[in-house]
N, C-alpha and C. Protein backbone atom coordinates (compact mmCIF):
# COMPACT_ATOMS: atom_id res chain seq x y z
N MET A 1 6.38 -90.79 132.80
CA MET A 1 7.00 -91.29 131.74
C MET A 1 6.69 -89.99 131.15
N PRO A 2 7.95 -89.22 130.37
CA PRO A 2 7.35 -88.20 129.41
C PRO A 2 6.41 -88.38 128.07
N VAL A 3 5.66 -88.05 127.85
CA VAL A 3 4.51 -88.62 126.51
C VAL A 3 4.86 -87.01 125.22
N TYR A 4 4.98 -87.80 123.98
CA TYR A 4 5.44 -86.98 123.13
C TYR A 4 4.23 -87.73 121.85
N ALA A 5 3.69 -86.63 121.47
CA ALA A 5 3.28 -86.71 120.01
C ALA A 5 3.62 -85.82 118.98
N GLY A 6 3.54 -87.01 117.89
CA GLY A 6 4.37 -86.20 116.52
C GLY A 6 3.05 -86.18 115.23
N ALA A 7 3.45 -85.96 114.51
CA ALA A 7 2.85 -85.53 112.77
C ALA A 7 3.85 -85.48 112.26
N SER A 8 3.45 -86.32 110.58
CA SER A 8 4.24 -86.31 109.55
C SER A 8 3.16 -85.91 108.34
N LEU A 9 4.09 -85.39 107.40
CA LEU A 9 3.18 -85.20 106.03
C LEU A 9 3.87 -85.81 104.73
N GLU A 10 3.88 -86.40 103.78
CA GLU A 10 4.70 -86.70 102.88
C GLU A 10 4.14 -86.49 101.57
N ALA A 11 4.84 -86.32 100.63
CA ALA A 11 4.41 -86.62 98.98
C ALA A 11 5.64 -87.19 98.06
N GLY A 12 5.35 -87.64 97.39
CA GLY A 12 5.96 -88.86 96.89
C GLY A 12 5.74 -89.77 95.61
N ASN A 13 6.53 -90.17 94.70
CA ASN A 13 6.12 -90.88 93.78
C ASN A 13 7.24 -91.62 93.11
N THR A 14 7.33 -92.34 92.27
CA THR A 14 8.46 -92.97 91.60
C THR A 14 8.05 -93.24 89.74
N TRP A 15 8.97 -92.74 88.73
CA TRP A 15 8.91 -92.67 87.61
C TRP A 15 10.20 -93.57 87.20
N LEU A 16 9.80 -93.84 85.86
CA LEU A 16 10.19 -94.87 84.89
C LEU A 16 11.82 -93.66 84.35
N ASP A 17 11.35 -92.86 83.91
CA ASP A 17 12.03 -91.75 82.99
C ASP A 17 12.02 -90.21 83.77
N GLU A 18 12.55 -89.66 84.03
CA GLU A 18 13.28 -88.28 84.59
C GLU A 18 11.77 -87.36 83.86
N SER A 19 12.14 -87.63 82.65
CA SER A 19 11.12 -86.60 82.17
C SER A 19 9.62 -86.89 82.07
N ASP A 20 9.03 -88.00 83.16
CA ASP A 20 7.74 -88.26 82.83
C ASP A 20 7.41 -87.77 84.87
N ALA A 21 8.26 -86.99 85.33
CA ALA A 21 8.00 -86.87 87.08
C ALA A 21 7.28 -85.37 86.92
N SER A 22 6.48 -85.28 87.55
CA SER A 22 5.26 -84.47 87.60
C SER A 22 4.68 -84.48 89.37
N PHE A 23 4.34 -82.81 89.36
CA PHE A 23 3.75 -82.62 90.80
C PHE A 23 2.28 -83.00 90.57
N ASP A 24 1.85 -83.42 89.01
CA ASP A 24 0.54 -83.62 89.46
C ASP A 24 0.24 -85.29 89.76
N ASP A 25 1.35 -85.73 89.53
CA ASP A 25 1.35 -87.63 89.73
C ASP A 25 1.55 -88.09 91.34
N LEU A 26 2.07 -86.90 92.42
CA LEU A 26 2.13 -87.34 93.63
C LEU A 26 1.59 -87.81 94.21
N ILE A 27 1.87 -88.73 95.18
CA ILE A 27 1.01 -90.22 96.13
C ILE A 27 1.22 -88.77 97.50
N TYR A 28 0.10 -88.65 97.90
CA TYR A 28 0.14 -87.75 99.17
C TYR A 28 -0.21 -88.78 100.72
N ALA A 29 0.38 -89.09 101.70
CA ALA A 29 0.11 -89.59 102.72
C ALA A 29 0.70 -88.90 104.11
N GLY A 30 0.09 -89.55 105.17
CA GLY A 30 0.56 -88.52 106.23
C GLY A 30 0.22 -89.45 107.83
N SER A 31 0.76 -89.41 108.55
CA SER A 31 0.70 -90.19 109.89
C SER A 31 0.52 -89.37 111.51
N LEU A 32 0.33 -89.55 112.11
CA LEU A 32 -0.13 -89.20 113.20
C LEU A 32 0.31 -90.51 114.47
N PHE A 33 1.33 -89.84 115.67
CA PHE A 33 1.47 -90.87 116.79
C PHE A 33 1.95 -90.35 117.99
N LEU A 34 2.49 -91.14 119.10
CA LEU A 34 2.29 -90.86 120.49
C LEU A 34 3.35 -91.76 120.75
N GLY A 35 4.61 -90.99 121.42
CA GLY A 35 5.51 -92.33 122.14
C GLY A 35 5.79 -91.77 123.42
N VAL A 36 6.10 -92.66 124.28
CA VAL A 36 6.99 -92.64 125.68
C VAL A 36 8.26 -93.04 125.76
N ASP A 37 8.76 -92.29 126.97
CA ASP A 37 10.20 -93.10 127.03
C ASP A 37 9.85 -93.66 128.89
N SER A 38 10.00 -95.16 128.01
CA SER A 38 9.75 -96.38 128.94
C SER A 38 11.09 -96.99 129.93
N PRO A 39 10.80 -97.75 130.65
CA PRO A 39 12.36 -98.79 130.76
C PRO A 39 12.79 -99.40 130.15
N VAL A 40 12.15 -99.86 129.39
CA VAL A 40 12.88 -100.89 127.61
C VAL A 40 13.00 -99.78 126.62
N GLY A 41 12.89 -98.81 126.70
CA GLY A 41 13.45 -97.91 125.71
C GLY A 41 12.26 -96.77 125.21
N PRO A 42 12.16 -96.39 124.13
CA PRO A 42 10.87 -95.83 123.52
C PRO A 42 10.20 -96.53 123.01
N ILE A 43 8.83 -96.30 123.08
CA ILE A 43 7.94 -97.02 122.42
C ILE A 43 6.87 -96.00 121.52
N TYR A 44 6.61 -96.22 120.67
CA TYR A 44 5.94 -95.49 119.66
C TYR A 44 4.88 -96.09 119.28
N LEU A 45 3.75 -95.63 118.94
CA LEU A 45 2.30 -96.27 118.78
C LEU A 45 1.81 -94.97 117.43
N GLY A 46 1.38 -95.29 116.65
CA GLY A 46 1.18 -94.56 115.19
C GLY A 46 -0.04 -95.18 114.38
N VAL A 47 -0.66 -94.46 113.26
CA VAL A 47 -1.51 -94.73 112.32
C VAL A 47 -1.00 -93.68 110.99
N GLY A 48 -0.96 -94.20 109.85
CA GLY A 48 -0.27 -93.72 109.19
C GLY A 48 -1.69 -93.92 107.63
N MET A 49 -1.56 -92.63 106.81
CA MET A 49 -3.20 -92.43 106.52
C MET A 49 -2.29 -92.20 105.04
N GLY A 50 -3.02 -93.17 103.79
CA GLY A 50 -2.47 -92.38 102.70
C GLY A 50 -3.62 -92.09 101.92
N GLU A 51 -3.53 -92.03 100.18
CA GLU A 51 -4.57 -91.60 99.53
C GLU A 51 -5.70 -93.19 99.12
N ASN A 52 -6.62 -93.12 98.70
CA ASN A 52 -7.54 -94.00 98.40
C ASN A 52 -7.57 -95.29 99.26
N SER A 53 -7.96 -94.44 100.94
CA SER A 53 -8.39 -94.98 102.11
C SER A 53 -7.02 -96.38 102.59
N GLN A 54 -6.20 -95.82 102.46
CA GLN A 54 -5.05 -96.83 102.65
C GLN A 54 -4.47 -96.58 104.36
N TYR A 55 -4.80 -97.45 104.88
CA TYR A 55 -3.90 -97.07 106.74
C TYR A 55 -3.05 -98.23 107.23
N ALA A 56 -1.88 -97.92 107.58
CA ALA A 56 -1.35 -98.55 108.37
C ALA A 56 -1.03 -98.13 110.11
N LEU A 57 -1.05 -98.99 110.59
CA LEU A 57 -0.83 -98.94 112.33
C LEU A 57 0.69 -99.84 112.58
N PHE A 58 1.26 -98.96 113.29
CA PHE A 58 2.50 -99.16 113.75
C PHE A 58 2.83 -99.35 114.83
N LEU A 59 3.64 -100.32 115.77
CA LEU A 59 4.59 -99.69 117.01
C LEU A 59 5.94 -100.19 116.90
N LYS A 60 6.66 -99.66 117.52
CA LYS A 60 7.84 -99.99 117.64
C LYS A 60 8.38 -99.71 119.21
N ILE A 61 9.10 -100.76 119.83
CA ILE A 61 9.45 -101.01 121.15
C ILE A 61 11.12 -101.22 120.57
N GLY A 62 11.64 -100.32 122.16
CA GLY A 62 12.85 -100.54 122.06
C GLY A 62 13.83 -98.98 121.41
N GLN A 63 15.13 -99.60 121.18
CA GLN A 63 16.27 -98.96 120.41
C GLN A 63 16.44 -99.51 119.29
N ILE A 64 16.56 -98.49 118.43
CA ILE A 64 17.20 -98.87 116.96
C ILE A 64 18.86 -99.12 117.28
N PHE A 65 19.58 -100.45 116.80
CA PHE A 65 20.86 -100.47 116.86
C PHE A 65 21.44 -100.41 115.55
N ASP A 66 22.48 -99.56 115.29
CA ASP A 66 23.02 -99.58 114.08
C ASP A 66 24.65 -100.84 113.99
């Protein structure tokens, strides 16, 4: 089975008024993940990390159907 590794970096925020938007207020986050092509479809396991020690663990199994 092929194994894949990946990473993401993100920055964003929301503001009520466009004039309040500022690069100084951005919230930063990122993730690391591994994936494999399995007989049941792709399987991804990863961890996300955000500011203020916020973490998320995620697991995805199978195809996404639109």
